[in-house]
């Protein structure tokens, strides 16, 4: 016999080193007859993050002329480089499929992009 606990208004608290996240949502948990969790479902409605004041007082990371942090700027550079390589990657994939070096079902990836 399966036992189901259904709580339409539940709060899950996640505690991290410098913050806590309170997440409100719908919780549904199914248990086996041995009271082992079979399924844990949580549908989030809202959340709130509380950050330690010491962390908030840290200086913000440097930004470039567009207001992007170095990490975001680097990510965008890498994304652009990969996007520029897309035609060459697809051409290589097609050639490898034609030569039997790759499975034809991988050919679907080129149609999605």
Protein backbone atom coordinates (compact mmCIF):
# COMPACT_ATOMS: atom_id res chain seq x y z
CA UNK A 1 0.00 0.00 0.00
CA UNK A 2 1.27 3.46 -0.91
CA UNK A 3 0.85 6.40 1.46
CA UNK A 4 0.66 9.85 -0.14
CA UNK A 5 1.19 13.10 1.75
CA UNK A 6 -0.17 16.08 -0.18
CA UNK A 7 0.55 19.55 1.15
CA UNK A 8 -0.64 22.38 -1.14
CA UNK A 9 1.26 25.01 0.86
CA UNK A 10 4.69 23.85 1.97
CA UNK A 11 7.96 25.65 2.61
CA UNK A 12 11.33 24.06 1.92
CA UNK A 13 14.37 25.72 3.49
CA UNK A 14 17.80 25.22 1.94
CA UNK A 15 20.73 26.34 4.13
CA UNK A 16 24.03 27.29 2.50
CA UNK A 17 27.28 28.68 3.87
CA UNK A 18 26.32 32.34 3.44
CA UNK A 19 22.59 32.24 2.75
CA UNK A 20 19.23 30.54 3.22
CA UNK A 21 16.63 30.00 0.51
CA UNK A 22 12.96 29.72 1.49
CA UNK A 23 10.90 28.12 -1.28
CA UNK A 24 7.10 27.97 -1.11
CA UNK A 25 5.15 25.52 -3.21
CA UNK A 26 3.05 22.36 -3.46
CA UNK A 27 4.64 19.26 -1.88
CA UNK A 28 3.53 15.71 -2.65
CA UNK A 29 5.43 12.72 -1.25
CA UNK A 30 4.63 9.05 -1.86
CA UNK A 31 5.84 6.42 0.62
CA UNK A 32 6.04 2.63 0.35
CA UNK A 33 4.54 0.43 3.05
CA UNK A 34 8.04 0.36 4.59
CA UNK A 35 7.84 4.19 4.74
CA UNK A 36 10.58 4.65 2.14
CA UNK A 37 10.15 7.65 -0.15
CA UNK A 38 9.03 6.51 -3.60
CA UNK A 39 8.42 9.93 -5.12
CA UNK A 40 9.08 13.49 -3.92
CA UNK A 41 7.40 16.21 -5.99
CA UNK A 42 7.71 19.91 -5.24
CA UNK A 43 6.19 22.58 -7.50
CA UNK A 44 7.66 25.98 -6.67
CA UNK A 45 5.40 29.04 -6.47
CA UNK A 46 7.86 31.53 -5.01
CA UNK A 47 11.20 31.78 -3.28
CA UNK A 48 13.18 34.21 -1.15
CA UNK A 49 16.93 34.23 -0.54
CA UNK A 50 18.37 35.66 2.64
CA UNK A 51 22.07 36.50 2.39
CA UNK A 52 24.50 37.07 5.27
CA UNK A 53 25.28 40.81 5.64
CA UNK A 54 29.02 40.16 5.52
CA UNK A 55 28.64 38.69 2.05
CA UNK A 56 26.49 41.57 0.80
CA UNK A 57 29.13 44.12 1.83
CA UNK A 58 31.72 42.61 -0.51
CA UNK A 59 32.65 44.91 -3.39
CA UNK A 60 30.91 44.06 -6.66
CA UNK A 61 33.00 42.45 -9.40
CA UNK A 62 34.57 44.73 -11.97
CA UNK A 63 32.51 45.41 -15.08
CA UNK A 64 33.48 46.25 -18.64
CA UNK A 65 32.16 49.20 -20.67
CA UNK A 66 28.91 47.29 -21.33
CA UNK A 67 28.36 46.64 -17.63
CA UNK A 68 29.18 42.93 -17.91
CA UNK A 69 31.25 41.12 -15.33
CA UNK A 70 34.42 39.41 -16.60
CA UNK A 71 32.78 36.00 -16.16
CA UNK A 72 29.71 36.91 -18.22
CA UNK A 73 31.83 38.64 -20.88
CA UNK A 74 34.03 35.52 -21.21
CA UNK A 75 30.97 33.27 -21.41
CA UNK A 76 29.58 35.40 -24.23
CA UNK A 77 32.91 35.26 -26.10
CA UNK A 78 32.95 31.46 -25.87
CA UNK A 79 29.28 31.26 -26.97
CA UNK A 80 30.02 33.45 -29.99
CA UNK A 81 33.06 31.37 -30.94
CA UNK A 82 31.03 28.15 -30.74
CA UNK A 83 28.23 29.72 -32.75
CA UNK A 84 30.74 30.73 -35.45
CA UNK A 85 32.00 27.12 -35.55
CA UNK A 86 28.50 25.64 -35.99
CA UNK A 87 28.63 25.34 -39.82
CA UNK A 88 32.03 23.59 -39.68
CA UNK A 89 30.81 21.23 -36.94
CA UNK A 90 27.69 20.28 -38.93
CA UNK A 91 29.72 19.76 -42.09
CA UNK A 92 32.09 17.43 -40.20
CA UNK A 93 29.17 15.55 -38.63
CA UNK A 94 27.52 15.06 -42.04
CA UNK A 95 30.78 13.78 -43.54
CA UNK A 96 31.32 11.36 -40.65
CA UNK A 97 27.75 10.06 -40.96
CA UNK A 98 28.15 9.56 -44.72
CA UNK A 99 31.41 7.66 -44.14
CA UNK A 100 29.74 5.48 -41.51
CA UNK A 101 31.90 6.83 -38.69
CA UNK A 102 28.85 8.04 -36.72
CA UNK A 103 25.29 6.86 -36.19
CA UNK A 104 22.70 8.51 -38.50
CA UNK A 105 20.43 9.33 -35.54
CA UNK A 106 22.94 12.01 -34.55
CA UNK A 107 21.97 13.79 -37.78
CA UNK A 108 18.86 15.05 -35.93
CA UNK A 109 21.00 17.51 -33.93
CA UNK A 110 21.73 19.65 -36.97
CA UNK A 111 18.03 20.20 -37.67
CA UNK A 112 17.28 21.40 -34.13
CA UNK A 113 19.86 24.22 -34.07
